């Protein structure tokens, strides 16, 4: 089921997003990890627009998605980077060890990539004069869910403006 979805608008000139995993943010949403993200490019992504960066060594095919969420939470620091929007990020000493394996994910408009909640990821700054447009949809196993969005009007006033 869809747990949540977000437009990922990185404004012109916006700062980088520090390396992080999603699981530390989601641990309170589900007892056992099942959530994974689908990151969709709403335009051709580029490094200079602050496109998604991941460890290219971790790429697997669709048939191996059953191994999602079998990783572990790396050492994180809280409050490390409020400017980039993620206050819980992978500790610098840990991030520096895996930084060499990180690479830009080349996604054309309409293309997507799926990754689990333990996958380290980040993005660079948007050095262009226009915003970067992407969308993230987070899926989760529905068995443990007790709260569902049943009315569209429940969304009114809940959008963040950046």
N, C-alpha and C. Protein backbone atom coordinates (compact mmCIF):
# COMPACT_ATOMS: atom_id res chain seq x y z
N UNK A 1 0.83 -1.17 0.00
CA UNK A 1 0.00 0.00 0.00
C UNK A 1 0.89 1.24 0.00
N UNK A 2 0.33 2.36 -0.42
CA UNK A 2 1.09 3.62 -0.37
C UNK A 2 1.03 4.15 1.05
N UNK A 3 2.21 4.34 1.65
CA UNK A 3 2.29 4.93 2.99
C UNK A 3 2.24 6.45 2.90
N UNK A 4 3.02 7.01 1.98
CA UNK A 4 3.00 8.45 1.77
C UNK A 4 3.65 8.77 0.43
N UNK A 5 3.38 9.96 -0.06
CA UNK A 5 3.97 10.43 -1.32
C UNK A 5 4.31 11.91 -1.16
N UNK A 6 5.41 12.31 -1.79
CA UNK A 6 5.87 13.70 -1.66
C UNK A 6 6.43 14.20 -2.99
N UNK A 7 6.13 15.45 -3.30
CA UNK A 7 6.85 16.12 -4.38
C UNK A 7 8.19 16.54 -3.82
N UNK A 8 9.24 16.28 -4.56
CA UNK A 8 10.59 16.63 -4.13
C UNK A 8 11.08 17.78 -5.00
N UNK A 9 10.75 18.97 -4.58
CA UNK A 9 11.12 20.17 -5.32
C UNK A 9 12.35 20.78 -4.66
N UNK A 10 13.46 20.71 -5.37
CA UNK A 10 14.70 21.32 -4.87
C UNK A 10 14.85 22.65 -5.58
N UNK A 11 14.68 23.72 -4.85
CA UNK A 11 14.69 25.06 -5.42
C UNK A 11 16.01 25.42 -6.09
N UNK A 12 15.93 26.39 -6.99
CA UNK A 12 17.14 26.91 -7.64
C UNK A 12 18.11 27.39 -6.57
N UNK A 13 19.35 26.93 -6.65
CA UNK A 13 20.37 27.33 -5.68
C UNK A 13 20.29 26.61 -4.35
N UNK A 14 19.41 25.62 -4.22
CA UNK A 14 19.24 24.91 -2.94
C UNK A 14 20.48 24.08 -2.59
N UNK A 15 20.68 23.91 -1.30
CA UNK A 15 21.84 23.17 -0.77
C UNK A 15 21.73 21.68 -1.07
N UNK A 16 22.84 21.00 -0.90
CA UNK A 16 22.87 19.55 -1.05
C UNK A 16 22.02 18.92 0.05
N UNK A 17 21.65 17.68 -0.16
CA UNK A 17 20.97 16.89 0.87
C UNK A 17 21.99 15.86 1.35
N UNK A 18 22.25 15.84 2.63
CA UNK A 18 23.28 14.96 3.19
C UNK A 18 22.92 13.49 2.98
N UNK A 19 23.95 12.65 3.01
CA UNK A 19 23.75 11.21 2.89
C UNK A 19 22.93 10.73 4.10
N UNK A 20 21.89 9.97 3.80
CA UNK A 20 21.02 9.47 4.86
C UNK A 20 20.36 8.17 4.43
N UNK A 21 19.75 7.51 5.36
CA UNK A 21 18.89 6.36 5.12
C UNK A 21 17.48 6.77 5.55
N UNK A 22 16.47 6.19 4.96
CA UNK A 22 15.10 6.54 5.34
C UNK A 22 14.64 5.82 6.61
N UNK A 23 15.19 4.66 6.91
CA UNK A 23 14.73 3.87 8.05
C UNK A 23 14.73 4.64 9.38
N UNK A 24 15.75 5.43 9.70
CA UNK A 24 15.68 6.17 10.97
C UNK A 24 14.47 7.10 11.07
N UNK A 25 13.99 7.58 9.94
CA UNK A 25 12.80 8.43 9.93
C UNK A 25 11.52 7.61 10.06
N UNK A 26 11.55 6.38 9.60
CA UNK A 26 10.33 5.57 9.51
C UNK A 26 10.20 4.54 10.61
N UNK A 27 11.20 4.40 11.48
CA UNK A 27 11.17 3.34 12.49
C UNK A 27 9.92 3.44 13.38
N UNK A 28 9.41 4.63 13.60
CA UNK A 28 8.20 4.80 14.40
C UNK A 28 6.92 4.51 13.64
N UNK A 29 7.01 4.38 12.32
CA UNK A 29 5.83 4.14 11.49
C UNK A 29 5.50 2.66 11.35
N UNK A 30 6.50 1.82 11.56
CA UNK A 30 6.28 0.38 11.42
C UNK A 30 7.32 -0.37 12.24
N UNK A 31 6.88 -1.43 12.91
CA UNK A 31 7.78 -2.18 13.80
C UNK A 31 8.85 -2.93 13.01
N UNK A 32 8.44 -3.65 11.99
CA UNK A 32 9.43 -4.35 11.16
C UNK A 32 9.47 -3.67 9.80
N UNK A 33 10.66 -3.46 9.26
CA UNK A 33 10.80 -2.67 8.04
C UNK A 33 10.21 -3.35 6.81
N UNK A 34 9.30 -2.65 6.15
CA UNK A 34 8.78 -3.12 4.87
C UNK A 34 8.77 -1.99 3.84
N UNK A 35 8.93 -0.75 4.30
CA UNK A 35 8.79 0.39 3.40
C UNK A 35 9.95 0.49 2.40
N UNK A 36 9.58 0.90 1.21
CA UNK A 36 10.59 1.22 0.20
C UNK A 36 10.09 2.40 -0.61
N UNK A 37 11.02 3.11 -1.21
CA UNK A 37 10.70 4.33 -1.97
C UNK A 37 10.81 4.08 -3.46
N UNK A 38 9.95 4.74 -4.20
CA UNK A 38 10.08 4.84 -5.65
C UNK A 38 10.26 6.32 -5.94
N UNK A 39 11.43 6.65 -6.50
CA UNK A 39 11.82 8.03 -6.80
C UNK A 39 11.61 8.23 -8.29
N UNK A 40 10.72 9.15 -8.68
CA UNK A 40 10.31 9.34 -10.07
C UNK A 40 10.79 10.71 -10.56
N UNK A 41 11.49 10.71 -11.68
CA UNK A 41 11.95 11.97 -12.28
C UNK A 41 10.80 12.61 -13.05
N UNK A 42 10.41 13.81 -12.67
CA UNK A 42 9.35 14.53 -13.38
C UNK A 42 9.92 15.39 -14.50
N UNK A 43 11.23 15.35 -14.64
CA UNK A 43 11.98 15.99 -15.72
C UNK A 43 13.29 15.22 -15.83
N UNK A 44 14.05 15.43 -16.89
CA UNK A 44 15.36 14.79 -16.98
C UNK A 44 16.21 15.26 -15.80
N UNK A 45 16.78 14.32 -15.07
CA UNK A 45 17.61 14.65 -13.92
C UNK A 45 19.04 14.94 -14.39
N UNK A 46 19.69 15.83 -13.66
CA UNK A 46 21.09 16.11 -13.93
C UNK A 46 21.79 16.32 -12.60
N UNK A 47 23.09 16.11 -12.61
CA UNK A 47 23.86 16.32 -11.38
C UNK A 47 23.79 17.77 -10.93
N UNK A 48 23.85 18.70 -11.88
CA UNK A 48 23.85 20.11 -11.48
C UNK A 48 22.49 20.59 -10.96
N UNK A 49 21.43 19.81 -11.19
CA UNK A 49 20.12 20.15 -10.62
C UNK A 49 19.92 19.49 -9.26
N UNK A 50 20.92 18.75 -8.79
CA UNK A 50 20.79 18.09 -7.50
C UNK A 50 20.06 16.77 -7.60
N UNK A 51 20.35 16.02 -8.66
CA UNK A 51 19.73 14.71 -8.85
C UNK A 51 20.16 13.70 -7.79
N UNK A 52 19.44 12.62 -7.71
CA UNK A 52 19.66 11.56 -6.73
C UNK A 52 21.02 10.90 -6.91
N UNK A 53 21.69 10.63 -5.79
CA UNK A 53 22.96 9.91 -5.79
C UNK A 53 22.84 8.73 -4.83
N UNK A 54 23.33 7.57 -5.29
CA UNK A 54 23.28 6.35 -4.50
C UNK A 54 24.54 5.55 -4.74
N UNK A 55 24.71 4.49 -3.96
CA UNK A 55 25.82 3.58 -4.19
C UNK A 55 25.46 2.70 -5.38
N UNK A 56 26.19 2.88 -6.46
CA UNK A 56 25.90 2.12 -7.67
C UNK A 56 26.25 0.64 -7.51
N UNK A 57 27.01 0.31 -6.45
CA UNK A 57 27.36 -1.09 -6.17
C UNK A 57 26.17 -1.89 -5.69
N UNK A 58 25.11 -1.23 -5.22
CA UNK A 58 23.97 -1.92 -4.63
C UNK A 58 22.84 -2.21 -5.59
N UNK A 59 23.03 -1.93 -6.87
CA UNK A 59 21.96 -2.11 -7.84
C UNK A 59 21.56 -3.57 -7.97
N UNK A 60 20.26 -3.82 -7.93
CA UNK A 60 19.72 -5.17 -8.13
C UNK A 60 18.55 -5.09 -9.10
N UNK A 61 18.22 -6.21 -9.70
CA UNK A 61 17.09 -6.28 -10.61
C UNK A 61 15.78 -6.44 -9.84
N UNK A 62 14.68 -6.32 -10.56
CA UNK A 62 13.34 -6.43 -9.96
C UNK A 62 13.17 -7.76 -9.24
N UNK A 63 13.72 -8.83 -9.79
CA UNK A 63 13.56 -10.15 -9.18
C UNK A 63 14.22 -10.25 -7.80
N UNK A 64 15.13 -9.33 -7.49
CA UNK A 64 15.82 -9.36 -6.19
C UNK A 64 15.22 -8.38 -5.18
N UNK A 65 14.10 -7.76 -5.52
CA UNK A 65 13.48 -6.82 -4.59
C UNK A 65 12.99 -7.51 -3.32
N UNK A 66 12.87 -8.82 -3.34
CA UNK A 66 12.46 -9.54 -2.13
C UNK A 66 13.53 -9.45 -1.05
N UNK A 67 14.75 -9.06 -1.43
CA UNK A 67 15.81 -8.89 -0.43
C UNK A 67 15.82 -7.48 0.15
N UNK A 68 14.87 -6.64 -0.25
CA UNK A 68 14.77 -5.28 0.30
C UNK A 68 14.55 -5.34 1.81
N UNK A 69 15.03 -4.33 2.50
CA UNK A 69 14.84 -4.14 3.94
C UNK A 69 15.46 -5.25 4.78
N UNK A 70 16.60 -5.75 4.32
CA UNK A 70 17.35 -6.73 5.11
C UNK A 70 18.68 -6.13 5.57
N UNK A 71 18.85 -4.84 5.39
CA UNK A 71 20.09 -4.17 5.76
C UNK A 71 20.10 -3.76 7.22
N UNK A 72 20.94 -2.81 7.53
CA UNK A 72 21.02 -2.31 8.91
C UNK A 72 21.15 -0.79 8.88
N UNK A 73 20.81 -0.18 10.00
CA UNK A 73 20.93 1.26 10.12
C UNK A 73 22.39 1.60 10.40
N UNK A 74 22.95 2.47 9.59
CA UNK A 74 24.31 2.94 9.80
C UNK A 74 24.32 3.99 10.91
N UNK A 75 25.51 4.33 11.39
CA UNK A 75 25.62 5.36 12.42
C UNK A 75 25.13 6.70 11.85
N UNK A 76 24.23 7.34 12.57
CA UNK A 76 23.67 8.63 12.15
C UNK A 76 23.94 9.70 13.20
N UNK A 77 23.86 10.94 12.76
CA UNK A 77 23.96 12.10 13.66
C UNK A 77 22.67 12.88 13.53
N UNK A 78 22.16 13.34 14.65
CA UNK A 78 20.94 14.13 14.62
C UNK A 78 21.28 15.61 14.61
N UNK A 79 20.54 16.37 13.83
CA UNK A 79 20.77 17.81 13.74
C UNK A 79 21.97 18.18 12.91
N UNK A 80 22.51 17.22 12.18
CA UNK A 80 23.75 17.45 11.44
C UNK A 80 23.57 18.42 10.27
N UNK A 81 22.41 18.38 9.60
CA UNK A 81 22.25 19.22 8.42
C UNK A 81 20.82 19.71 8.24
N UNK A 82 20.37 20.63 9.06
CA UNK A 82 19.02 21.14 8.87
C UNK A 82 18.84 21.90 7.55
N UNK A 83 19.92 22.49 7.02
CA UNK A 83 19.84 23.26 5.78
C UNK A 83 19.36 22.39 4.61
N UNK A 84 19.82 21.15 4.53
CA UNK A 84 19.45 20.27 3.43
C UNK A 84 18.14 19.55 3.65
N UNK A 85 17.49 19.79 4.78
CA UNK A 85 16.17 19.23 5.00
C UNK A 85 16.12 17.89 5.71
N UNK A 86 17.26 17.29 6.01
CA UNK A 86 17.28 16.00 6.68
C UNK A 86 18.11 16.10 7.95
N UNK A 87 17.46 16.31 9.10
CA UNK A 87 18.20 16.51 10.35
C UNK A 87 18.87 15.25 10.89
N UNK A 88 18.49 14.09 10.38
CA UNK A 88 19.14 12.84 10.79
C UNK A 88 19.91 12.34 9.56
N UNK A 89 21.23 12.45 9.59
CA UNK A 89 22.03 12.02 8.45
C UNK A 89 23.15 11.09 8.90
N UNK A 90 23.67 10.35 7.94
CA UNK A 90 24.74 9.40 8.23
C UNK A 90 25.95 10.18 8.76
N UNK A 91 26.52 9.69 9.85
CA UNK A 91 27.67 10.35 10.49
C UNK A 91 28.79 10.55 9.48
N UNK A 92 29.47 11.69 9.58
CA UNK A 92 30.52 12.04 8.62
C UNK A 92 31.57 10.95 8.47
N UNK A 93 32.01 10.34 9.58
CA UNK A 93 33.07 9.31 9.47
C UNK A 93 32.56 8.08 8.71
N UNK A 94 31.28 7.77 8.83
CA UNK A 94 30.70 6.65 8.08
C UNK A 94 30.46 7.06 6.64
N UNK A 95 29.91 8.24 6.43
CA UNK A 95 29.63 8.73 5.07
C UNK A 95 30.91 8.83 4.24
N UNK A 96 32.01 9.26 4.85
CA UNK A 96 33.26 9.39 4.10
C UNK A 96 33.78 8.04 3.62
N UNK A 97 33.49 6.97 4.38
CA UNK A 97 33.92 5.63 3.96
C UNK A 97 33.17 5.13 2.73
N UNK A 98 31.91 5.52 2.58
CA UNK A 98 31.12 5.01 1.46
C UNK A 98 30.94 6.03 0.33
N UNK A 99 31.45 7.23 0.52
CA UNK A 99 31.26 8.31 -0.47
C UNK A 99 31.80 7.95 -1.85
N UNK A 100 32.91 7.22 -1.92
CA UNK A 100 33.49 6.87 -3.21
C UNK A 100 32.59 5.96 -4.04
N UNK A 101 31.70 5.21 -3.38
CA UNK A 101 30.81 4.32 -4.12
C UNK A 101 29.55 5.02 -4.60
N UNK A 102 29.35 6.28 -4.17
CA UNK A 102 28.14 7.02 -4.53
C UNK A 102 28.29 7.60 -5.93
N UNK A 103 27.21 7.53 -6.70
CA UNK A 103 27.22 8.10 -8.03
C UNK A 103 25.85 8.66 -8.39
N UNK A 104 25.83 9.57 -9.33
CA UNK A 104 24.60 10.17 -9.81
C UNK A 104 23.76 9.12 -10.52
N UNK A 105 22.47 9.08 -10.23
CA UNK A 105 21.54 8.15 -10.88
C UNK A 105 20.93 8.89 -12.07
N UNK A 106 21.28 8.43 -13.26
CA UNK A 106 20.82 9.06 -14.49
C UNK A 106 19.38 8.63 -14.77
N UNK A 107 18.44 9.53 -14.50
CA UNK A 107 17.02 9.24 -14.73
C UNK A 107 16.45 10.24 -15.71
N UNK A 108 15.88 9.73 -16.80
CA UNK A 108 15.17 10.60 -17.73
C UNK A 108 13.77 10.87 -17.22
N UNK A 109 13.13 11.87 -17.78
CA UNK A 109 11.76 12.24 -17.39
C UNK A 109 10.86 11.01 -17.45
N UNK A 110 10.14 10.76 -16.36
CA UNK A 110 9.22 9.62 -16.30
C UNK A 110 9.85 8.32 -15.84
N UNK A 111 11.16 8.27 -15.72
CA UNK A 111 11.85 7.07 -15.25
C UNK A 111 11.87 7.07 -13.73
N UNK A 112 12.03 5.87 -13.16
CA UNK A 112 11.99 5.74 -11.71
C UNK A 112 13.02 4.75 -11.22
N UNK A 113 13.33 4.85 -9.94
CA UNK A 113 14.21 3.90 -9.28
C UNK A 113 13.57 3.56 -7.93
N UNK A 114 13.65 2.29 -7.55
CA UNK A 114 13.12 1.85 -6.25
C UNK A 114 14.29 1.48 -5.36
N UNK A 115 14.18 1.84 -4.07
CA UNK A 115 15.22 1.47 -3.11
C UNK A 115 14.60 1.31 -1.74
N UNK A 116 15.24 0.47 -0.93
CA UNK A 116 14.68 0.18 0.39
C UNK A 116 15.09 1.22 1.42
N UNK A 117 14.57 1.07 2.62
CA UNK A 117 14.75 2.09 3.66
C UNK A 117 16.16 2.11 4.25
N UNK A 118 16.98 1.11 3.92
CA UNK A 118 18.35 1.06 4.44
C UNK A 118 19.37 1.60 3.43
N UNK A 119 18.94 1.89 2.22
CA UNK A 119 19.86 2.34 1.16
C UNK A 119 20.36 3.76 1.42
N UNK A 120 21.68 3.95 1.59
CA UNK A 120 22.20 5.31 1.73
C UNK A 120 22.00 6.08 0.42
N UNK A 121 21.52 7.32 0.52
CA UNK A 121 21.34 8.16 -0.66
C UNK A 121 21.47 9.62 -0.27
N UNK A 122 21.63 10.45 -1.28
CA UNK A 122 21.87 11.88 -1.06
C UNK A 122 21.62 12.61 -2.38
N UNK A 123 21.77 13.90 -2.37
CA UNK A 123 21.76 14.66 -3.62
C UNK A 123 22.68 15.87 -3.46
N UNK A 124 23.20 16.31 -4.58
CA UNK A 124 24.05 17.49 -4.56
C UNK A 124 23.21 18.75 -4.56
N UNK A 125 23.86 19.90 -4.56
CA UNK A 125 23.12 21.17 -4.62
C UNK A 125 22.51 21.38 -6.00
N UNK A 126 21.47 22.17 -6.06
CA UNK A 126 20.90 22.57 -7.35
C UNK A 126 21.58 23.88 -7.73
N UNK A 127 22.51 23.80 -8.65
CA UNK A 127 23.26 24.99 -9.06
C UNK A 127 22.66 25.67 -10.29
N UNK A 128 21.46 25.25 -10.68
CA UNK A 128 20.80 25.83 -11.85
C UNK A 128 19.81 26.91 -11.42
N UNK A 129 19.33 27.71 -12.37
CA UNK A 129 18.35 28.75 -12.03
C UNK A 129 16.90 28.27 -11.96
N UNK A 130 16.70 26.96 -12.12
CA UNK A 130 15.33 26.42 -12.08
C UNK A 130 15.24 25.29 -11.06
N UNK A 131 14.05 25.04 -10.50
CA UNK A 131 13.90 23.97 -9.51
C UNK A 131 14.04 22.58 -10.13
N UNK A 132 14.45 21.63 -9.30
CA UNK A 132 14.48 20.22 -9.68
C UNK A 132 13.13 19.62 -9.28
N UNK A 133 12.53 18.85 -10.19
CA UNK A 133 11.21 18.29 -9.95
C UNK A 133 11.25 16.77 -9.96
N UNK A 134 10.87 16.19 -8.84
CA UNK A 134 10.80 14.73 -8.72
C UNK A 134 9.66 14.40 -7.77
N UNK A 135 9.33 13.13 -7.69
CA UNK A 135 8.30 12.67 -6.77
C UNK A 135 8.78 11.40 -6.10
N UNK A 136 8.44 11.25 -4.83
CA UNK A 136 8.75 10.02 -4.10
C UNK A 136 7.44 9.42 -3.61
N UNK A 137 7.28 8.14 -3.87
CA UNK A 137 6.15 7.40 -3.33
C UNK A 137 6.73 6.31 -2.45
N UNK A 138 6.30 6.27 -1.19
CA UNK A 138 6.79 5.25 -0.25
C UNK A 138 5.70 4.20 -0.07
N UNK A 139 6.08 2.97 -0.33
CA UNK A 139 5.16 1.84 -0.21
C UNK A 139 5.49 1.05 1.05
N UNK A 140 4.48 0.41 1.62
CA UNK A 140 4.68 -0.40 2.82
C UNK A 140 3.73 -1.58 2.80
N UNK A 141 4.11 -2.60 3.53
CA UNK A 141 3.22 -3.74 3.76
C UNK A 141 2.01 -3.21 4.53
N UNK A 142 0.82 -3.58 4.13
CA UNK A 142 -0.38 -3.03 4.74
C UNK A 142 -0.87 -3.72 5.99
N UNK A 143 -0.33 -4.90 6.32
CA UNK A 143 -0.85 -5.67 7.46
C UNK A 143 -0.79 -4.91 8.77
N UNK A 144 0.29 -4.20 9.01
CA UNK A 144 0.49 -3.54 10.31
C UNK A 144 -0.09 -2.13 10.35
N UNK A 145 -0.66 -1.66 9.28
CA UNK A 145 -1.14 -0.28 9.23
C UNK A 145 -2.49 -0.15 9.93
N UNK A 146 -2.62 0.92 10.69
CA UNK A 146 -3.88 1.16 11.40
C UNK A 146 -4.48 2.50 11.01
N UNK A 147 -3.78 3.28 10.21
CA UNK A 147 -4.28 4.60 9.80
C UNK A 147 -4.24 4.68 8.28
N UNK A 148 -5.37 5.03 7.71
CA UNK A 148 -5.47 5.12 6.26
C UNK A 148 -6.09 6.46 5.88
N UNK A 149 -5.68 7.01 4.77
CA UNK A 149 -6.30 8.21 4.25
C UNK A 149 -7.56 7.79 3.51
N UNK A 150 -8.70 8.22 4.00
CA UNK A 150 -9.95 7.80 3.39
C UNK A 150 -10.72 8.95 2.77
N UNK A 151 -10.32 10.19 3.07
CA UNK A 151 -11.01 11.35 2.55
C UNK A 151 -10.00 12.32 1.95
N UNK A 152 -10.27 12.78 0.76
CA UNK A 152 -9.40 13.76 0.11
C UNK A 152 -9.36 15.07 0.90
N UNK A 153 -10.49 15.49 1.50
CA UNK A 153 -10.50 16.76 2.22
C UNK A 153 -9.59 16.74 3.44
N UNK A 154 -9.16 15.57 3.87
CA UNK A 154 -8.21 15.47 4.98
C UNK A 154 -6.84 16.03 4.59
N UNK A 155 -6.60 16.17 3.30
CA UNK A 155 -5.33 16.70 2.82
C UNK A 155 -5.28 18.22 2.83
N UNK A 156 -6.43 18.87 2.86
CA UNK A 156 -6.45 20.33 2.77
C UNK A 156 -5.59 20.96 3.85
N UNK A 157 -4.75 21.90 3.44
CA UNK A 157 -3.90 22.62 4.38
C UNK A 157 -2.68 21.84 4.83
N UNK A 158 -2.44 20.66 4.27
CA UNK A 158 -1.32 19.84 4.73
C UNK A 158 -0.12 19.89 3.79
N UNK A 159 -0.13 20.77 2.81
CA UNK A 159 0.97 20.83 1.86
C UNK A 159 2.03 21.80 2.33
N UNK A 160 3.28 21.41 2.20
CA UNK A 160 4.39 22.29 2.57
C UNK A 160 4.75 23.14 1.37
N UNK A 161 5.03 24.38 1.62
CA UNK A 161 5.46 25.28 0.54
C UNK A 161 6.93 25.60 0.76
N UNK A 162 7.72 25.47 -0.30
CA UNK A 162 9.14 25.79 -0.18
C UNK A 162 9.54 26.87 -1.15
